[in-house]
Amino acid sequence: MPTILPKDADNNPLPVMRLRNGGAHVVNVTDVSARNSVAFDAGTKVVSLYATGPVFLRFGDAAVTASGGDHYFPDGVYYDVAIGGGKTKSATHVAAIRVGGDCQLFISEKE
């Protein structure tokens, strides 16, 4: 059955989720890779992203860094991303590096 619900890394549809209290992050993105300073909650399976400028992104652990060869994420787009669940280990951080000028990446954990 087709669905427009977000899907996890195992391609399973996720029901509509609410914002996690204490799960808001802001990353100041420059020409040096930066990541969220506080790890995502272990129960978080989806994060919503919004960037005020185009960035390159990489998900991983507390040591993750982004580079110009990572996933391009445009500015002005609100997007849900599955960060784990099921058989896939959850990412705890997202790193970003700017494409052009300095900007901010807003991250919201969902539960």
N, C-alpha and C. Protein backbone atom coordinates (compact mmCIF):
# COMPACT_ATOMS: atom_id res chain seq x y z
N MET A 1 0.84 -1.18 0.00
CA MET A 1 0.00 0.00 0.00
C MET A 1 0.89 1.24 0.00
N PRO A 2 0.71 2.15 -0.94
CA PRO A 2 1.52 3.37 -0.99
C PRO A 2 1.28 4.25 0.23
N THR A 3 2.34 4.94 0.66
CA THR A 3 2.22 5.86 1.78
C THR A 3 3.10 7.08 1.55
N ILE A 4 2.71 8.20 2.11
CA ILE A 4 3.56 9.39 2.07
C ILE A 4 4.19 9.64 3.44
N LEU A 5 4.04 8.66 4.35
CA LEU A 5 4.70 8.76 5.64
C LEU A 5 6.20 8.65 5.47
N PRO A 6 6.98 9.28 6.36
CA PRO A 6 8.42 9.08 6.30
C PRO A 6 8.75 7.62 6.56
N LYS A 7 9.89 7.16 6.05
CA LYS A 7 10.28 5.77 6.22
C LYS A 7 11.61 5.70 6.95
N ASP A 8 11.81 4.61 7.72
CA ASP A 8 13.07 4.42 8.41
C ASP A 8 14.10 3.84 7.45
N ALA A 9 15.29 3.57 7.96
CA ALA A 9 16.37 3.07 7.12
C ALA A 9 16.09 1.69 6.55
N ASP A 10 15.13 0.98 7.14
CA ASP A 10 14.73 -0.33 6.62
C ASP A 10 13.53 -0.25 5.70
N ASN A 11 13.15 0.99 5.30
CA ASN A 11 12.05 1.27 4.39
C ASN A 11 10.68 0.97 4.99
N ASN A 12 10.58 0.99 6.32
CA ASN A 12 9.30 0.79 6.99
C ASN A 12 8.64 2.14 7.21
N PRO A 13 7.35 2.29 6.86
CA PRO A 13 6.66 3.56 7.11
C PRO A 13 6.60 3.86 8.60
N LEU A 14 6.82 5.12 8.95
CA LEU A 14 6.74 5.57 10.33
C LEU A 14 5.47 6.39 10.51
N PRO A 15 4.75 6.18 11.60
CA PRO A 15 3.56 7.00 11.84
C PRO A 15 3.98 8.44 12.12
N VAL A 16 3.04 9.34 12.01
CA VAL A 16 3.32 10.74 12.28
C VAL A 16 3.92 10.84 13.67
N MET A 17 4.95 11.64 13.80
CA MET A 17 5.69 11.72 15.05
C MET A 17 5.61 13.12 15.63
N ARG A 18 5.83 13.21 16.94
CA ARG A 18 5.82 14.51 17.58
C ARG A 18 7.25 14.95 17.88
N LEU A 19 7.42 16.24 18.09
CA LEU A 19 8.72 16.78 18.44
C LEU A 19 9.11 16.32 19.83
N ARG A 20 10.35 15.90 20.00
CA ARG A 20 10.85 15.42 21.29
C ARG A 20 11.22 16.63 22.16
N ASN A 21 10.66 16.71 23.37
CA ASN A 21 11.05 17.76 24.30
C ASN A 21 12.55 17.66 24.57
N GLY A 22 13.24 18.79 24.49
CA GLY A 22 14.69 18.80 24.68
C GLY A 22 15.46 18.32 23.46
N GLY A 23 14.78 18.10 22.35
CA GLY A 23 15.43 17.56 21.16
C GLY A 23 15.66 18.57 20.06
N ALA A 24 15.75 19.85 20.40
CA ALA A 24 16.04 20.88 19.40
C ALA A 24 17.54 21.19 19.41
N HIS A 25 18.13 21.26 18.23
CA HIS A 25 19.55 21.54 18.10
C HIS A 25 19.75 22.63 17.04
N VAL A 26 20.76 23.46 17.24
CA VAL A 26 21.15 24.45 16.23
C VAL A 26 22.65 24.31 16.03
N VAL A 27 23.06 24.15 14.78
CA VAL A 27 24.47 24.05 14.44
C VAL A 27 24.83 25.27 13.60
N ASN A 28 25.83 26.02 14.04
CA ASN A 28 26.35 27.14 13.25
C ASN A 28 27.32 26.56 12.23
N VAL A 29 26.99 26.71 10.96
CA VAL A 29 27.73 26.05 9.89
C VAL A 29 28.66 27.06 9.21
N THR A 30 29.93 26.71 9.16
CA THR A 30 30.96 27.55 8.53
C THR A 30 31.76 26.70 7.55
N ASP A 31 32.97 27.15 7.24
CA ASP A 31 33.84 26.39 6.33
C ASP A 31 34.60 25.27 7.05
N VAL A 32 34.34 25.09 8.35
CA VAL A 32 34.91 24.00 9.14
C VAL A 32 33.76 23.13 9.60
N SER A 33 33.89 21.82 9.46
CA SER A 33 32.82 20.90 9.85
C SER A 33 32.39 21.13 11.30
N ALA A 34 31.07 21.16 11.52
CA ALA A 34 30.50 21.32 12.86
C ALA A 34 29.37 20.32 13.01
N ARG A 35 29.09 19.90 14.24
CA ARG A 35 28.03 18.92 14.50
C ARG A 35 27.27 19.31 15.75
N ASN A 36 26.11 18.67 15.96
CA ASN A 36 25.35 18.91 17.18
C ASN A 36 26.20 18.50 18.38
N SER A 37 26.21 19.35 19.41
CA SER A 37 27.07 19.11 20.58
C SER A 37 26.50 18.05 21.51
N VAL A 38 25.20 17.90 21.53
CA VAL A 38 24.54 16.90 22.38
C VAL A 38 24.01 15.79 21.48
N ALA A 39 24.30 14.55 21.86
CA ALA A 39 23.85 13.40 21.06
C ALA A 39 22.33 13.32 21.00
N PHE A 40 21.82 12.78 19.91
CA PHE A 40 20.40 12.51 19.80
C PHE A 40 20.01 11.48 20.86
N ASP A 41 18.80 11.58 21.37
CA ASP A 41 18.27 10.62 22.33
C ASP A 41 18.27 9.23 21.69
N ALA A 42 18.54 8.21 22.48
CA ALA A 42 18.59 6.84 21.97
C ALA A 42 17.28 6.41 21.32
N GLY A 43 16.16 7.00 21.73
CA GLY A 43 14.86 6.65 21.16
C GLY A 43 14.50 7.39 19.90
N THR A 44 15.32 8.35 19.50
CA THR A 44 15.04 9.13 18.30
C THR A 44 15.33 8.31 17.05
N LYS A 45 14.36 8.20 16.18
CA LYS A 45 14.52 7.46 14.92
C LYS A 45 14.46 8.37 13.70
N VAL A 46 13.92 9.58 13.90
CA VAL A 46 13.77 10.54 12.81
C VAL A 46 14.18 11.92 13.31
N VAL A 47 14.89 12.66 12.46
CA VAL A 47 15.18 14.07 12.74
C VAL A 47 14.67 14.89 11.56
N SER A 48 14.21 16.08 11.88
CA SER A 48 13.81 17.03 10.85
C SER A 48 14.93 18.06 10.71
N LEU A 49 15.24 18.42 9.48
CA LEU A 49 16.33 19.35 9.20
C LEU A 49 15.81 20.57 8.46
N TYR A 50 16.41 21.72 8.76
CA TYR A 50 16.15 22.95 8.02
C TYR A 50 17.43 23.77 8.06
N ALA A 51 17.93 24.18 6.92
CA ALA A 51 19.16 24.97 6.85
C ALA A 51 18.86 26.34 6.23
N THR A 52 19.52 27.37 6.76
CA THR A 52 19.33 28.73 6.23
C THR A 52 20.26 29.01 5.05
N GLY A 53 21.12 28.08 4.73
CA GLY A 53 22.00 28.15 3.57
C GLY A 53 22.31 26.73 3.14
N PRO A 54 22.77 26.51 1.91
CA PRO A 54 23.07 25.15 1.46
C PRO A 54 24.28 24.58 2.22
N VAL A 55 24.18 23.29 2.56
CA VAL A 55 25.23 22.62 3.33
C VAL A 55 25.48 21.21 2.78
N PHE A 56 26.61 20.64 3.19
CA PHE A 56 26.88 19.22 2.98
C PHE A 56 26.72 18.55 4.33
N LEU A 57 26.06 17.37 4.37
CA LEU A 57 25.74 16.68 5.62
C LEU A 57 26.33 15.28 5.66
N ARG A 58 26.66 14.86 6.89
CA ARG A 58 27.02 13.46 7.13
C ARG A 58 26.52 13.07 8.52
N PHE A 59 25.84 11.92 8.62
CA PHE A 59 25.37 11.40 9.90
C PHE A 59 26.36 10.39 10.44
N GLY A 60 26.48 10.31 11.77
CA GLY A 60 27.39 9.35 12.38
C GLY A 60 27.41 9.47 13.89
N ASP A 61 28.60 9.21 14.46
CA ASP A 61 28.75 9.25 15.91
C ASP A 61 29.33 10.59 16.35
N ALA A 62 29.83 10.66 17.58
CA ALA A 62 30.32 11.92 18.15
C ALA A 62 31.57 12.46 17.45
N ALA A 63 32.18 11.66 16.60
CA ALA A 63 33.39 12.10 15.89
C ALA A 63 33.13 12.40 14.41
N VAL A 64 31.88 12.33 13.97
CA VAL A 64 31.56 12.52 12.55
C VAL A 64 31.97 13.91 12.07
N THR A 65 32.50 13.98 10.86
CA THR A 65 32.83 15.26 10.22
C THR A 65 32.26 15.25 8.81
N ALA A 66 31.91 16.43 8.33
CA ALA A 66 31.36 16.58 6.98
C ALA A 66 32.43 17.18 6.06
N SER A 67 32.29 16.87 4.78
CA SER A 67 33.19 17.44 3.77
C SER A 67 32.38 17.75 2.52
N GLY A 68 33.03 18.38 1.57
CA GLY A 68 32.37 18.76 0.32
C GLY A 68 31.92 17.58 -0.52
N GLY A 69 32.32 16.38 -0.19
CA GLY A 69 31.91 15.19 -0.92
C GLY A 69 30.71 14.50 -0.32
N ASP A 70 30.15 15.04 0.76
CA ASP A 70 29.01 14.43 1.43
C ASP A 70 27.69 14.86 0.78
N HIS A 71 26.59 14.47 1.41
CA HIS A 71 25.26 14.75 0.85
C HIS A 71 24.97 16.24 0.85
N TYR A 72 24.56 16.73 -0.30
CA TYR A 72 24.16 18.13 -0.45
C TYR A 72 22.76 18.31 0.11
N PHE A 73 22.57 19.35 0.92
CA PHE A 73 21.25 19.68 1.46
C PHE A 73 20.98 21.15 1.18
N PRO A 74 19.93 21.46 0.43
CA PRO A 74 19.66 22.84 0.04
C PRO A 74 19.08 23.67 1.19
N ASP A 75 19.16 24.96 1.05
CA ASP A 75 18.55 25.84 2.05
C ASP A 75 17.05 25.95 1.81
N GLY A 76 16.33 26.32 2.88
CA GLY A 76 14.91 26.58 2.76
C GLY A 76 14.02 25.37 2.62
N VAL A 77 14.56 24.17 2.89
CA VAL A 77 13.79 22.93 2.78
C VAL A 77 13.66 22.31 4.16
N TYR A 78 12.43 21.95 4.55
CA TYR A 78 12.19 21.23 5.81
C TYR A 78 12.05 19.77 5.43
N TYR A 79 12.92 18.90 6.00
CA TYR A 79 12.98 17.53 5.53
C TYR A 79 13.17 16.57 6.70
N ASP A 80 12.43 15.46 6.70
CA ASP A 80 12.58 14.42 7.71
C ASP A 80 13.55 13.35 7.21
N VAL A 81 14.46 12.93 8.11
CA VAL A 81 15.45 11.91 7.77
C VAL A 81 15.42 10.82 8.84
N ALA A 82 15.31 9.56 8.40
CA ALA A 82 15.43 8.43 9.33
C ALA A 82 16.89 8.28 9.71
N ILE A 83 17.18 8.16 11.01
CA ILE A 83 18.57 8.04 11.45
C ILE A 83 18.87 6.67 12.03
N GLY A 84 17.93 5.75 11.96
CA GLY A 84 18.17 4.40 12.45
C GLY A 84 16.87 3.73 12.84
N GLY A 85 17.03 2.59 13.48
CA GLY A 85 15.87 1.82 13.90
C GLY A 85 15.89 0.46 13.23
N GLY A 86 15.17 -0.45 13.80
CA GLY A 86 15.14 -1.79 13.23
C GLY A 86 16.52 -2.42 13.30
N LYS A 87 17.03 -2.86 12.17
CA LYS A 87 18.33 -3.52 12.11
C LYS A 87 19.48 -2.53 11.95
N THR A 88 19.16 -1.26 11.78
CA THR A 88 20.18 -0.26 11.51
C THR A 88 20.53 0.51 12.79
N LYS A 89 21.82 0.63 13.08
CA LYS A 89 22.27 1.39 14.24
C LYS A 89 21.94 2.87 14.03
N SER A 90 21.46 3.51 15.08
CA SER A 90 21.08 4.92 14.99
C SER A 90 22.28 5.84 14.99
N ALA A 91 22.22 6.88 14.18
CA ALA A 91 23.23 7.94 14.22
C ALA A 91 22.97 8.78 15.46
N THR A 92 24.03 9.28 16.06
CA THR A 92 23.89 10.13 17.26
C THR A 92 24.14 11.59 16.96
N HIS A 93 24.74 11.88 15.82
CA HIS A 93 25.10 13.25 15.46
C HIS A 93 24.97 13.45 13.95
N VAL A 94 24.86 14.72 13.56
CA VAL A 94 24.94 15.10 12.16
C VAL A 94 25.96 16.23 12.05
N ALA A 95 26.85 16.10 11.10
CA ALA A 95 27.87 17.13 10.86
C ALA A 95 27.52 17.86 9.57
N ALA A 96 27.88 19.14 9.52
CA ALA A 96 27.59 19.96 8.35
C ALA A 96 28.76 20.89 8.07
N ILE A 97 28.92 21.21 6.79
CA ILE A 97 29.88 22.21 6.34
C ILE A 97 29.19 23.03 5.25
N ARG A 98 29.47 24.31 5.23
CA ARG A 98 28.74 25.19 4.30
C ARG A 98 29.14 24.95 2.86
N VAL A 99 28.24 25.30 1.96
CA VAL A 99 28.51 25.29 0.52
C VAL A 99 28.96 26.68 0.10
N GLY A 100 28.27 27.71 0.60
CA GLY A 100 28.59 29.09 0.28
C GLY A 100 28.94 29.86 1.53
N GLY A 101 28.02 30.72 1.97
CA GLY A 101 28.24 31.52 3.16
C GLY A 101 27.83 30.80 4.44
N ASP A 102 28.27 31.34 5.57
CA ASP A 102 27.91 30.79 6.87
C ASP A 102 26.39 30.77 7.02
N CYS A 103 25.89 29.77 7.73
CA CYS A 103 24.44 29.62 7.93
C CYS A 103 24.19 28.81 9.19
N GLN A 104 22.94 28.47 9.40
CA GLN A 104 22.56 27.64 10.54
C GLN A 104 21.78 26.43 10.06
N LEU A 105 22.00 25.32 10.76
CA LEU A 105 21.25 24.10 10.52
C LEU A 105 20.41 23.84 11.77
N PHE A 106 19.10 23.78 11.60
CA PHE A 106 18.18 23.51 12.70
C PHE A 106 17.79 22.04 12.63
N ILE A 107 17.89 21.35 13.77
CA ILE A 107 17.61 19.92 13.84
C ILE A 107 16.57 19.70 14.92
N SER A 108 15.51 18.96 14.59
CA SER A 108 14.48 18.63 15.56
C SER A 108 14.33 17.11 15.63
N GLU A 109 14.53 16.56 16.84
CA GLU A 109 14.32 15.13 17.04
C GLU A 109 12.82 14.87 17.13
N LYS A 110 12.41 13.71 16.59
CA LYS A 110 11.00 13.32 16.65
C LYS A 110 10.87 11.96 17.32
N GLU A 111 9.75 11.82 18.02
CA GLU A 111 9.46 10.54 18.68
C GLU A 111 8.06 10.08 18.37
